[in-house]
PDB file of N, CA and C in Angstrom:
ATOM      1  N   UNK A   1       0.839  -1.168   0.000  1.00  0.00           N
ATOM      2  CA  UNK A   1       0.000   0.000   0.000  1.00  0.00           C
ATOM      3  C   UNK A   1       0.892   1.243   0.000  1.00  0.00           C
ATOM      4  N   UNK A   2       0.647   2.131  -0.943  1.00  0.00           N
ATOM      5  CA  UNK A   2       1.413   3.365  -1.036  1.00  0.00           C
ATOM      6  C   UNK A   2       0.680   4.468  -0.284  1.00  0.00           C
ATOM      7  N   UNK A   3       1.411   5.200   0.542  1.00  0.00           N
ATOM      8  CA  UNK A   3       0.799   6.256   1.347  1.00  0.00           C
ATOM      9  C   UNK A   3       1.189   7.623   0.791  1.00  0.00           C
ATOM     10  N   UNK A   4       0.212   8.522   0.723  1.00  0.00           N
ATOM     11  CA  UNK A   4       0.423   9.871   0.215  1.00  0.00           C
ATOM     12  C   UNK A   4      -0.074  10.858   1.261  1.00  0.00           C
ATOM     13  N   UNK A   5       0.656  11.956   1.428  1.00  0.00           N
ATOM     14  CA  UNK A   5       0.286  12.989   2.402  1.00  0.00           C
ATOM     15  C   UNK A   5      -0.983  13.695   1.929  1.00  0.00           C
ATOM     16  N   UNK A   6      -1.828  14.125   2.868  1.00  0.00           N
ATOM     17  CA  UNK A   6      -3.118  14.723   2.513  1.00  0.00           C
ATOM     18  C   UNK A   6      -3.009  16.147   1.977  1.00  0.00           C
ATOM     19  N   UNK A   7      -1.861  16.815   2.137  1.00  0.00           N
ATOM     20  CA  UNK A   7      -1.640  18.138   1.547  1.00  0.00           C
ATOM     21  C   UNK A   7      -0.268  18.167   0.881  1.00  0.00           C
ATOM     22  N   UNK A   8      -0.215  18.759  -0.320  1.00  0.00           N
ATOM     23  CA  UNK A   8       1.038  18.864  -1.072  1.00  0.00           C
ATOM     24  C   UNK A   8       1.206  20.316  -1.510  1.00  0.00           C
ATOM     25  N   UNK A   9       2.396  20.857  -1.312  1.00  0.00           N
ATOM     26  CA  UNK A   9       2.684  22.216  -1.787  1.00  0.00           C
ATOM     27  C   UNK A   9       3.128  22.106  -3.241  1.00  0.00           C
ATOM     28  N   UNK A  10       2.289  22.594  -4.145  1.00  0.00           N
ATOM     29  CA  UNK A  10       2.586  22.488  -5.569  1.00  0.00           C
ATOM     30  C   UNK A  10       2.011  23.684  -6.327  1.00  0.00           C
ATOM     31  N   UNK A  11       2.326  23.772  -7.614  1.00  0.00           N
ATOM     32  CA  UNK A  11       1.963  24.918  -8.445  1.00  0.00           C
ATOM     33  C   UNK A  11       0.495  24.878  -8.847  1.00  0.00           C
ATOM     34  N   UNK A  12      -0.177  26.017  -8.730  1.00  0.00           N
ATOM     35  CA  UNK A  12      -1.560  26.164  -9.196  1.00  0.00           C
ATOM     36  C   UNK A  12      -1.538  27.039 -10.452  1.00  0.00           C
ATOM     37  N   UNK A  13      -1.980  26.506 -11.609  1.00  0.00           N
ATOM     38  CA  UNK A  13      -1.920  27.291 -12.846  1.00  0.00           C
ATOM     39  C   UNK A  13      -2.887  28.480 -12.868  1.00  0.00           C
ATOM     40  N   UNK A  14      -3.965  28.414 -12.108  1.00  0.00           N
ATOM     41  CA  UNK A  14      -4.934  29.516 -12.099  1.00  0.00           C
ATOM     42  C   UNK A  14      -4.439  30.675 -11.238  1.00  0.00           C
ATOM     43  N   UNK A  15      -3.886  30.357 -10.050  1.00  0.00           N
ATOM     44  CA  UNK A  15      -3.337  31.393  -9.161  1.00  0.00           C
ATOM     45  C   UNK A  15      -1.953  31.850  -9.611  1.00  0.00           C
ATOM     46  N   UNK A  16      -1.287  31.031 -10.414  1.00  0.00           N
ATOM     47  CA  UNK A  16       0.069  31.292 -10.909  1.00  0.00           C
ATOM     48  C   UNK A  16       1.078  31.386  -9.768  1.00  0.00           C
ATOM     49  N   UNK A  17       0.902  30.522  -8.756  1.00  0.00           N
ATOM     50  CA  UNK A  17       1.856  30.459  -7.653  1.00  0.00           C
ATOM     51  C   UNK A  17       1.753  29.096  -6.972  1.00  0.00           C
ATOM     52  N   UNK A  18       2.690  28.814  -6.080  1.00  0.00           N
ATOM     53  CA  UNK A  18       2.676  27.568  -5.325  1.00  0.00           C
ATOM     54  C   UNK A  18       1.772  27.723  -4.103  1.00  0.00           C
ATOM     55  N   UNK A  19       0.895  26.735  -3.898  1.00  0.00           N
ATOM     56  CA  UNK A  19       0.009  26.738  -2.740  1.00  0.00           C
ATOM     57  C   UNK A  19      -0.019  25.349  -2.125  1.00  0.00           C
ATOM     58  N   UNK A  20      -0.486  25.278  -0.896  1.00  0.00           N
ATOM     59  CA  UNK A  20      -0.636  24.001  -0.200  1.00  0.00           C
ATOM     60  C   UNK A  20      -1.991  23.418  -0.601  1.00  0.00           C
ATOM     61  N   UNK A  21      -1.975  22.359  -1.425  1.00  0.00           N
ATOM     62  CA  UNK A  21      -3.208  21.837  -2.012  1.00  0.00           C
ATOM     63  C   UNK A  21      -3.659  20.546  -1.361  1.00  0.00           C
ATOM     64  N   UNK A  22      -4.996  20.366  -1.272  1.00  0.00           N
ATOM     65  CA  UNK A  22      -5.578  19.159  -0.688  1.00  0.00           C
ATOM     66  C   UNK A  22      -5.518  18.020  -1.696  1.00  0.00           C
ATOM     67  N   UNK A  23      -5.295  16.805  -1.189  1.00  0.00           N
ATOM     68  CA  UNK A  23      -5.187  15.621  -2.042  1.00  0.00           C
ATOM     69  C   UNK A  23      -6.388  14.719  -1.810  1.00  0.00           C
ATOM     70  N   UNK A  24      -7.014  14.275  -2.914  1.00  0.00           N
ATOM     71  CA  UNK A  24      -8.087  13.290  -2.851  1.00  0.00           C
ATOM     72  C   UNK A  24      -7.786  12.205  -3.875  1.00  0.00           C
ATOM     73  N   UNK A  25      -8.260  10.986  -3.617  1.00  0.00           N
ATOM     74  CA  UNK A  25      -8.095   9.908  -4.574  1.00  0.00           C
ATOM     75  C   UNK A  25      -9.108  10.056  -5.699  1.00  0.00           C
ATOM     76  N   UNK A  26      -8.688   9.701  -6.905  1.00  0.00           N
ATOM     77  CA  UNK A  26      -9.579   9.739  -8.061  1.00  0.00           C
ATOM     78  C   UNK A  26     -10.474   8.510  -8.044  1.00  0.00           C
ATOM     79  N   UNK A  27     -11.763   8.709  -8.265  1.00  0.00           N
ATOM     80  CA  UNK A  27     -12.702   7.593  -8.359  1.00  0.00           C
ATOM     81  C   UNK A  27     -13.463   7.705  -9.671  1.00  0.00           C
ATOM     82  N   UNK A  28     -13.654   6.574 -10.313  1.00  0.00           N
ATOM     83  CA  UNK A  28     -14.362   6.548 -11.578  1.00  0.00           C
ATOM     84  C   UNK A  28     -15.828   6.879 -11.341  1.00  0.00           C
ATOM     85  N   UNK A  29     -16.399   7.716 -12.212  1.00  0.00           N
ATOM     86  CA  UNK A  29     -17.798   8.094 -12.082  1.00  0.00           C
ATOM     87  C   UNK A  29     -18.728   6.989 -12.546  1.00  0.00           C
ATOM     88  N   UNK A  30     -20.001   7.171 -12.271  1.00  0.00           N
ATOM     89  CA  UNK A  30     -21.002   6.188 -12.667  1.00  0.00           C
ATOM     90  C   UNK A  30     -21.182   6.223 -14.185  1.00  0.00           C
ATOM     91  N   UNK A  31     -21.270   5.051 -14.814  1.00  0.00           N
ATOM     92  CA  UNK A  31     -21.393   4.975 -16.259  1.00  0.00           C
ATOM     93  C   UNK A  31     -22.804   5.354 -16.689  1.00  0.00           C
ATOM     94  N   UNK A  32     -22.918   6.192 -17.719  1.00  0.00           N
ATOM     95  CA  UNK A  32     -24.226   6.650 -18.181  1.00  0.00           C
ATOM     96  C   UNK A  32     -24.858   5.608 -19.106  1.00  0.00           C
ATOM     97  N   UNK A  33     -26.103   5.247 -18.865  1.00  0.00           N
ATOM     98  CA  UNK A  33     -26.751   4.272 -19.753  1.00  0.00           C
ATOM     99  C   UNK A  33     -27.179   4.881 -21.090  1.00  0.00           C
ATOM    100  N   UNK A  34     -27.091   6.213 -21.228  1.00  0.00           N
ATOM    101  CA  UNK A  34     -27.538   6.883 -22.445  1.00  0.00           C
ATOM    102  C   UNK A  34     -26.382   7.382 -23.309  1.00  0.00           C
ATOM    103  N   UNK A  35     -25.159   6.948 -23.038  1.00  0.00           N
ATOM    104  CA  UNK A  35     -24.023   7.400 -23.833  1.00  0.00           C
ATOM    105  C   UNK A  35     -24.061   6.746 -25.215  1.00  0.00           C
ATOM    106  N   UNK A  36     -23.331   7.324 -26.164  1.00  0.00           N
ATOM    107  CA  UNK A  36     -23.323   6.827 -27.539  1.00  0.00           C
ATOM    108  C   UNK A  36     -22.754   5.419 -27.598  1.00  0.00           C
ATOM    109  N   UNK A  37     -21.662   5.184 -26.882  1.00  0.00           N
ATOM    110  CA  UNK A  37     -21.039   3.862 -26.893  1.00  0.00           C
ATOM    111  C   UNK A  37     -21.936   2.795 -26.294  1.00  0.00           C
ATOM    112  N   UNK A  38     -22.637   3.122 -25.223  1.00  0.00           N
ATOM    113  CA  UNK A  38     -23.533   2.154 -24.589  1.00  0.00           C
ATOM    114  C   UNK A  38     -24.730   1.863 -25.491  1.00  0.00           C
ATOM    115  N   UNK A  39     -25.241   2.888 -26.184  1.00  0.00           N
ATOM    116  CA  UNK A  39     -26.358   2.691 -27.108  1.00  0.00           C
ATOM    117  C   UNK A  39     -25.937   1.794 -28.269  1.00  0.00           C
ATOM    118  N   UNK A  40     -24.721   1.989 -28.782  1.00  0.00           N
ATOM    119  CA  UNK A  40     -24.198   1.161 -29.871  1.00  0.00           C
ATOM    120  C   UNK A  40     -24.062  -0.286 -29.422  1.00  0.00           C
ATOM    121  N   UNK A  41     -23.565  -0.484 -28.218  1.00  0.00           N
ATOM    122  CA  UNK A  41     -23.393  -1.834 -27.668  1.00  0.00           C
ATOM    123  C   UNK A  41     -24.748  -2.517 -27.470  1.00  0.00           C
ATOM    124  N   UNK A  42     -25.731  -1.784 -26.958  1.00  0.00           N
ATOM    125  CA  UNK A  42     -27.071  -2.345 -26.763  1.00  0.00           C
ATOM    126  C   UNK A  42     -27.721  -2.719 -28.094  1.00  0.00           C
ATOM    127  N   UNK A  43     -27.480  -1.905 -29.150  1.00  0.00           N
ATOM    128  CA  UNK A  43     -28.022  -2.182 -30.471  1.00  0.00           C
ATOM    129  C   UNK A  43     -27.445  -3.477 -31.033  1.00  0.00           C
ATOM    130  N   UNK A  44     -26.157  -3.706 -30.778  1.00  0.00           N
ATOM    131  CA  UNK A  44     -25.510  -4.928 -31.267  1.00  0.00           C
ATOM    132  C   UNK A  44     -26.079  -6.162 -30.583  1.00  0.00           C
ATOM    133  N   UNK A  45     -26.526  -6.019 -29.338  1.00  0.00           N
ATOM    134  CA  UNK A  45     -27.027  -7.164 -28.587  1.00  0.00           C
ATOM    135  C   UNK A  45     -28.478  -7.515 -28.906  1.00  0.00           C
ATOM    136  N   UNK A  46     -29.172  -6.655 -29.667  1.00  0.00           N
ATOM    137  CA  UNK A  46     -30.563  -6.965 -29.980  1.00  0.00           C
ATOM    138  C   UNK A  46     -30.632  -8.138 -30.951  1.00  0.00           C
ATOM    139  N   UNK A  47     -31.670  -8.932 -30.848  1.00  0.00           N
ATOM    140  CA  UNK A  47     -31.824 -10.100 -31.728  1.00  0.00           C
ATOM    141  C   UNK A  47     -31.216 -11.335 -31.089  1.00  0.00           C
ATOM    142  N   UNK A  48     -31.039 -12.372 -31.894  1.00  0.00           N
ATOM    143  CA  UNK A  48     -30.515 -13.649 -31.399  1.00  0.00           C
ATOM    144  C   UNK A  48     -28.999 -13.690 -31.560  1.00  0.00           C
ATOM    145  N   UNK A  49     -28.303 -12.945 -30.740  1.00  0.00           N
ATOM    146  CA  UNK A  49     -26.832 -12.935 -30.782  1.00  0.00           C
ATOM    147  C   UNK A  49     -26.309 -13.160 -29.375  1.00  0.00           C
ATOM    148  N   UNK A  50     -25.084 -13.625 -29.311  1.00  0.00           N
ATOM    149  CA  UNK A  50     -24.451 -13.804 -28.015  1.00  0.00           C
ATOM    150  C   UNK A  50     -23.714 -12.542 -27.631  1.00  0.00           C
ATOM    151  N   UNK A  51     -22.693 -12.709 -26.817  1.00  0.00           N
ATOM    152  CA  UNK A  51     -21.878 -11.573 -26.392  1.00  0.00           C
ATOM    153  C   UNK A  51     -21.066 -11.085 -27.580  1.00  0.00           C
ATOM    154  N   UNK A  52     -21.056  -9.772 -27.810  1.00  0.00           N
ATOM    155  CA  UNK A  52     -20.416  -9.216 -28.990  1.00  0.00           C
ATOM    156  C   UNK A  52     -18.932  -8.998 -28.752  1.00  0.00           C
ATOM    157  N   UNK A  53     -18.602  -8.372 -27.633  1.00  0.00           N
ATOM    158  CA  UNK A  53     -17.195  -8.079 -27.358  1.00  0.00           C
ATOM    159  C   UNK A  53     -16.543  -9.298 -26.743  1.00  0.00           C
ATOM    160  N   UNK A  54     -15.374  -9.678 -27.276  1.00  0.00           N
ATOM    161  CA  UNK A  54     -14.676 -10.852 -26.769  1.00  0.00           C
ATOM    162  C   UNK A  54     -13.910 -10.562 -25.505  1.00  0.00           C
ATOM    163  N   UNK A  55     -13.286 -11.594 -24.944  1.00  0.00           N
ATOM    164  CA  UNK A  55     -12.480 -11.434 -23.740  1.00  0.00           C
ATOM    165  C   UNK A  55     -11.122 -10.850 -24.106  1.00  0.00           C
ATOM    166  N   UNK A  56     -10.533 -10.119 -23.172  1.00  0.00           N
ATOM    167  CA  UNK A  56      -9.204  -9.573 -23.399  1.00  0.00           C
ATOM    168  C   UNK A  56      -8.191 -10.701 -23.387  1.00  0.00           C
ATOM    169  N   UNK A  57      -7.288 -10.711 -24.357  1.00  0.00           N
ATOM    170  CA  UNK A  57      -6.281 -11.765 -24.416  1.00  0.00           C
ATOM    171  C   UNK A  57      -5.147 -11.491 -23.437  1.00  0.00           C
ATOM    172  N   UNK A  58      -4.856 -10.221 -23.189  1.00  0.00           N
ATOM    173  CA  UNK A  58      -3.758  -9.854 -22.298  1.00  0.00           C
ATOM    174  C   UNK A  58      -4.338  -9.134 -21.088  1.00  0.00           C
ATOM    175  N   UNK A  59      -3.925  -9.538 -19.914  1.00  0.00           N
ATOM    176  CA  UNK A  59      -4.383  -8.879 -18.695  1.00  0.00           C
ATOM    177  C   UNK A  59      -3.330  -7.871 -18.260  1.00  0.00           C
ATOM    178  N   UNK A  60      -3.756  -6.666 -17.969  1.00  0.00           N
ATOM    179  CA  UNK A  60      -2.812  -5.637 -17.540  1.00  0.00           C
ATOM    180  C   UNK A  60      -2.371  -5.926 -16.114  1.00  0.00           C
ATOM    181  N   UNK A  61      -1.105  -5.671 -15.844  1.00  0.00           N
ATOM    182  CA  UNK A  61      -0.526  -6.001 -14.543  1.00  0.00           C
ATOM    183  C   UNK A  61      -0.969  -5.007 -13.470  1.00  0.00           C
ATOM    184  N   UNK A  62      -1.038  -3.754 -13.809  1.00  0.00           N
ATOM    185  CA  UNK A  62      -1.431  -2.747 -12.825  1.00  0.00           C
ATOM    186  C   UNK A  62      -2.195  -1.637 -13.499  1.00  0.00           C
ATOM    187  N   UNK A  63      -2.441  -0.558 -12.770  1.00  0.00           N
ATOM    188  CA  UNK A  63      -3.142   0.576 -13.363  1.00  0.00           C
ATOM    189  C   UNK A  63      -2.457   1.866 -12.940  1.00  0.00           C
ATOM    190  N   UNK A  64      -2.705   2.923 -13.712  1.00  0.00           N
ATOM    191  CA  UNK A  64      -2.172   4.234 -13.364  1.00  0.00           C
ATOM    192  C   UNK A  64      -2.942   4.757 -12.163  1.00  0.00           C
ATOM    193  N   UNK A  65      -2.235   5.125 -11.114  1.00  0.00           N
ATOM    194  CA  UNK A  65      -2.876   5.677  -9.922  1.00  0.00           C
ATOM    195  C   UNK A  65      -2.985   7.189 -10.104  1.00  0.00           C
ATOM    196  N   UNK A  66      -4.159   7.715  -9.866  1.00  0.00           N
ATOM    197  CA  UNK A  66      -4.411   9.124 -10.112  1.00  0.00           C
ATOM    198  C   UNK A  66      -4.924   9.793  -8.839  1.00  0.00           C
ATOM    199  N   UNK A  67      -4.437  11.025  -8.576  1.00  0.00           N
ATOM    200  CA  UNK A  67      -4.942  11.807  -7.452  1.00  0.00           C
ATOM    201  C   UNK A  67      -5.485  13.133  -7.976  1.00  0.00           C
ATOM    202  N   UNK A  68      -6.341  13.762  -7.193  1.00  0.00           N
ATOM    203  CA  UNK A  68      -6.909  15.068  -7.535  1.00  0.00           C
ATOM    204  C   UNK A  68      -6.379  16.084  -6.535  1.00  0.00           C
ATOM    205  N   UNK A  69      -5.765  17.151  -7.033  1.00  0.00           N
ATOM    206  CA  UNK A  69      -5.254  18.234  -6.188  1.00  0.00           C
ATOM    207  C   UNK A  69      -6.224  19.411  -6.278  1.00  0.00           C
ATOM    208  N   UNK A  70      -6.581  19.989  -5.123  1.00  0.00           N
ATOM    209  CA  UNK A  70      -7.501  21.126  -5.108  1.00  0.00           C
ATOM    210  C   UNK A  70      -6.852  22.301  -4.400  1.00  0.00           C
ATOM    211  N   UNK A  71      -6.787  23.424  -5.099  1.00  0.00           N
ATOM    212  CA  UNK A  71      -6.216  24.648  -4.537  1.00  0.00           C
ATOM    213  C   UNK A  71      -7.216  25.260  -3.556  1.00  0.00           C
ATOM    214  N   UNK A  72      -6.786  25.625  -2.342  1.00  0.00           N
ATOM    215  CA  UNK A  72      -7.730  26.183  -1.361  1.00  0.00           C
ATOM    216  C   UNK A  72      -8.186  27.607  -1.678  1.00  0.00           C
ATOM    217  N   UNK A  73      -7.382  28.375  -2.418  1.00  0.00           N
ATOM    218  CA  UNK A  73      -7.745  29.768  -2.687  1.00  0.00           C
ATOM    219  C   UNK A  73      -8.729  29.903  -3.846  1.00  0.00           C
ATOM    220  N   UNK A  74      -8.471  29.217  -4.966  1.00  0.00           N
ATOM    221  CA  UNK A  74      -9.335  29.378  -6.144  1.00  0.00           C
ATOM    222  C   UNK A  74     -10.200  28.152  -6.425  1.00  0.00           C
ATOM    223  N   UNK A  75     -10.039  27.074  -5.644  1.00  0.00           N
ATOM    224  CA  UNK A  75     -10.821  25.832  -5.777  1.00  0.00           C
ATOM    225  C   UNK A  75     -10.605  25.125  -7.116  1.00  0.00           C
ATOM    226  N   UNK A  76      -9.498  25.435  -7.796  1.00  0.00           N
ATOM    227  CA  UNK A  76      -9.180  24.763  -9.064  1.00  0.00           C
ATOM    228  C   UNK A  76      -8.713  23.354  -8.772  1.00  0.00           C
ATOM    229  N   UNK A  77      -9.224  22.372  -9.534  1.00  0.00           N
ATOM    230  CA  UNK A  77      -8.828  20.982  -9.350  1.00  0.00           C
ATOM    231  C   UNK A  77      -7.989  20.546 -10.537  1.00  0.00           C
ATOM    232  N   UNK A  78      -6.943  19.786 -10.256  1.00  0.00           N
ATOM    233  CA  UNK A  78      -6.120  19.232 -11.323  1.00  0.00           C
ATOM    234  C   UNK A  78      -5.731  17.804 -10.977  1.00  0.00           C
ATOM    235  N   UNK A  79      -5.543  16.995 -12.021  1.00  0.00           N
ATOM    236  CA  UNK A  79      -5.212  15.590 -11.834  1.00  0.00           C
ATOM    237  C   UNK A  79      -3.710  15.401 -11.891  1.00  0.00           C
ATOM    238  N   UNK A  80      -3.238  14.391 -11.174  1.00  0.00           N
ATOM    239  CA  UNK A  80      -1.822  14.031 -11.235  1.00  0.00           C
ATOM    240  C   UNK A  80      -1.707  12.519 -11.173  1.00  0.00           C
ATOM    241  N   UNK A  81      -0.903  11.948 -12.074  1.00  0.00           N
ATOM    242  CA  UNK A  81      -0.688  10.503 -12.076  1.00  0.00           C
ATOM    243  C   UNK A  81       0.519  10.209 -11.198  1.00  0.00           C
ATOM    244  N   UNK A  82       0.362   9.238 -10.293  1.00  0.00           N
ATOM    245  CA  UNK A  82       1.428   8.873  -9.366  1.00  0.00           C
ATOM    246  C   UNK A  82       2.163   7.662  -9.928  1.00  0.00           C
ATOM    247  N   UNK A  83       3.420   7.855 -10.278  1.00  0.00           N
ATOM    248  CA  UNK A  83       4.253   6.744 -10.746  1.00  0.00           C
ATOM    249  C   UNK A  83       3.760   6.150 -12.045  1.00  0.00           C
ATOM    250  N   UNK A  84       4.211   4.936 -12.324  1.00  0.00           N
ATOM    251  CA  UNK A  84       3.794   4.220 -13.517  1.00  0.00           C
ATOM    252  C   UNK A  84       2.738   3.203 -13.125  1.00  0.00           C
ATOM    253  N   UNK A  85       2.463   2.266 -13.986  1.00  0.00           N
ATOM    254  CA  UNK A  85       1.471   1.231 -13.670  1.00  0.00           C
ATOM    255  C   UNK A  85       1.907   0.467 -12.434  1.00  0.00           C
ATOM    256  N   UNK A  86       1.013   0.331 -11.481  1.00  0.00           N
ATOM    257  CA  UNK A  86       1.361  -0.339 -10.237  1.00  0.00           C
ATOM    258  C   UNK A  86       0.156  -1.062  -9.666  1.00  0.00           C
ATOM    259  N   UNK A  87       0.426  -2.110  -8.899  1.00  0.00           N
ATOM    260  CA  UNK A  87      -0.638  -2.839  -8.218  1.00  0.00           C
ATOM    261  C   UNK A  87      -0.941  -2.219  -6.863  1.00  0.00           C
ATOM    262  N   UNK A  88      -0.057  -1.342  -6.395  1.00  0.00           N
ATOM    263  CA  UNK A  88      -0.221  -0.764  -5.064  1.00  0.00           C
ATOM    264  C   UNK A  88      -1.484   0.091  -4.986  1.00  0.00           C
ATOM    265  N   UNK A  89      -2.163   0.008  -3.871  1.00  0.00           N
ATOM    266  CA  UNK A  89      -3.359   0.811  -3.640  1.00  0.00           C
ATOM    267  C   UNK A  89      -2.941   2.074  -2.900  1.00  0.00           C
ATOM    268  N   UNK A  90      -3.382   3.228  -3.389  1.00  0.00           N
ATOM    269  CA  UNK A  90      -3.018   4.489  -2.750  1.00  0.00           C
ATOM    270  C   UNK A  90      -3.885   4.736  -1.523  1.00  0.00           C
ATOM    271  N   UNK A  91      -3.274   5.373  -0.527  1.00  0.00           N
ATOM    272  CA  UNK A  91      -3.983   5.727   0.699  1.00  0.00           C
ATOM    273  C   UNK A  91      -3.542   7.122   1.111  1.00  0.00           C
ATOM    274  N   UNK A  92      -4.492   8.010   1.354  1.00  0.00           N
ATOM    275  CA  UNK A  92      -4.186   9.377   1.789  1.00  0.00           C
ATOM    276  C   UNK A  92      -4.138   9.391   3.308  1.00  0.00           C
ATOM    277  N   UNK A  93      -2.999   9.866   3.859  1.00  0.00           N
ATOM    278  CA  UNK A  93      -2.815   9.889   5.313  1.00  0.00           C
ATOM    279  C   UNK A  93      -2.433  11.298   5.760  1.00  0.00           C
ATOM    280  N   UNK A  94      -2.574  11.571   7.046  1.00  0.00           N
ATOM    281  CA  UNK A  94      -2.156  12.854   7.620  1.00  0.00           C
ATOM    282  C   UNK A  94      -0.638  12.953   7.566  1.00  0.00           C
ATOM    283  N   UNK A  95      -0.114  14.156   7.642  1.00  0.00           N
ATOM    284  CA  UNK A  95       1.316  14.363   7.487  1.00  0.00           C
ATOM    285  C   UNK A  95       2.120  13.669   8.580  1.00  0.00           C
ATOM    286  N   UNK A  96       1.647  13.666   9.815  1.00  0.00           N
ATOM    287  CA  UNK A  96       2.374  13.038  10.915  1.00  0.00           C
ATOM    288  C   UNK A  96       2.417  11.525  10.834  1.00  0.00           C
ATOM    289  N   UNK A  97       1.511  10.919  10.081  1.00  0.00           N
ATOM    290  CA  UNK A  97       1.440   9.459   9.992  1.00  0.00           C
ATOM    291  C   UNK A  97       2.534   8.880   9.109  1.00  0.00           C
ATOM    292  N   UNK A  98       3.222   9.719   8.329  1.00  0.00           N
ATOM    293  CA  UNK A  98       4.257   9.225   7.425  1.00  0.00           C
ATOM    294  C   UNK A  98       5.651   9.219   8.040  1.00  0.00           C
ATOM    295  N   UNK A  99       5.773   9.587   9.295  1.00  0.00           N
ATOM    296  CA  UNK A  99       7.082   9.595   9.931  1.00  0.00           C
ATOM    297  C   UNK A  99       7.654   8.184   9.995  1.00  0.00           C
ATOM    298  N   UNK A 100       8.967   8.086   9.831  1.00  0.00           N
ATOM    299  CA  UNK A 100       9.598   6.770   9.940  1.00  0.00           C
ATOM    300  C   UNK A 100       9.679   6.363  11.414  1.00  0.00           C
ATOM    301  N   UNK A 101      10.073   5.118  11.665  1.00  0.00           N
ATOM    302  CA  UNK A 101      10.132   4.612  13.037  1.00  0.00           C
ATOM    303  C   UNK A 101      11.122   5.412  13.879  1.00  0.00           C
ATOM    304  N   UNK A 102      12.267   5.764  13.271  1.00  0.00           N
ATOM    305  CA  UNK A 102      13.287   6.519  14.009  1.00  0.00           C
ATOM    306  C   UNK A 102      12.773   7.910  14.377  1.00  0.00           C
ATOM    307  N   UNK A 103      12.067   8.557  13.428  1.00  0.00           N
ATOM    308  CA  UNK A 103      11.543   9.893  13.698  1.00  0.00           C
ATOM    309  C   UNK A 103      10.473   9.857  14.782  1.00  0.00           C
ATOM    310  N   UNK A 104       9.647   8.804  14.782  1.00  0.00           N
ATOM    311  CA  UNK A 104       8.619   8.670  15.813  1.00  0.00           C
ATOM    312  C   UNK A 104       9.246   8.494  17.190  1.00  0.00           C
ATOM    313  N   UNK A 105      10.315   7.674  17.259  1.00  0.00           N
ATOM    314  CA  UNK A 105      11.011   7.467  18.526  1.00  0.00           C
ATOM    315  C   UNK A 105      11.627   8.770  19.013  1.00  0.00           C
ATOM    316  N   UNK A 106      12.242   9.514  18.069  1.00  0.00           N
ATOM    317  CA  UNK A 106      12.881  10.773  18.437  1.00  0.00           C
ATOM    318  C   UNK A 106      11.851  11.793  18.928  1.00  0.00           C
ATOM    319  N   UNK A 107      10.685  11.821  18.276  1.00  0.00           N
ATOM    320  CA  UNK A 107       9.662  12.789  18.687  1.00  0.00           C
ATOM    321  C   UNK A 107       9.059  12.426  20.047  1.00  0.00           C
ATOM    322  N   UNK A 108       8.934  11.129  20.347  1.00  0.00           N
ATOM    323  CA  UNK A 108       8.399  10.733  21.655  1.00  0.00           C
ATOM    324  C   UNK A 108       9.414  10.996  22.756  1.00  0.00           C
ATOM    325  N   UNK A 109      10.696  10.851  22.445  1.00  0.00           N
ATOM    326  CA  UNK A 109      11.741  11.132  23.440  1.00  0.00           C
ATOM    327  C   UNK A 109      11.775  12.612  23.784  1.00  0.00           C
ATOM    328  N   UNK A 110      11.628  13.462  22.754  1.00  0.00           N
ATOM    329  CA  UNK A 110      11.723  14.902  22.990  1.00  0.00           C
ATOM    330  C   UNK A 110      10.524  15.425  23.788  1.00  0.00           C
ATOM    331  N   UNK A 111       9.361  14.773  23.646  1.00  0.00           N
ATOM    332  CA  UNK A 111       8.181  15.243  24.373  1.00  0.00           C
ATOM    333  C   UNK A 111       8.179  14.783  25.827  1.00  0.00           C
ATOM    334  N   UNK A 112       8.827  13.651  26.130  1.00  0.00           N
ATOM    335  CA  UNK A 112       8.831  13.143  27.511  1.00  0.00           C
ATOM    336  C   UNK A 112       9.954  13.706  28.331  1.00  0.00           C
TER     337      UNK A 112
END
């Protein structure tokens, strides 16, 4: 599981400056039953026919992980792809949760 911080300081093209932006995971929207492609597929299935589209011969190993960055000042949203194709599932965590074991030990020692 890959962990990503919930805020990233990055460039906003609308504000034309670097801002601390909120991170959300990208989720696929609901498929429309009235789209052109779906209507074409439904038309092919009418009558005495079986399944029209065949099975994929090659299975993809992973998928592109995508996040959505939102600027707090202008509310502009932009997409960013994380790495290449990967099987890892992305998880958005608070900034303090990403500390390594040594840093956590050091921070607990300094507070006590």
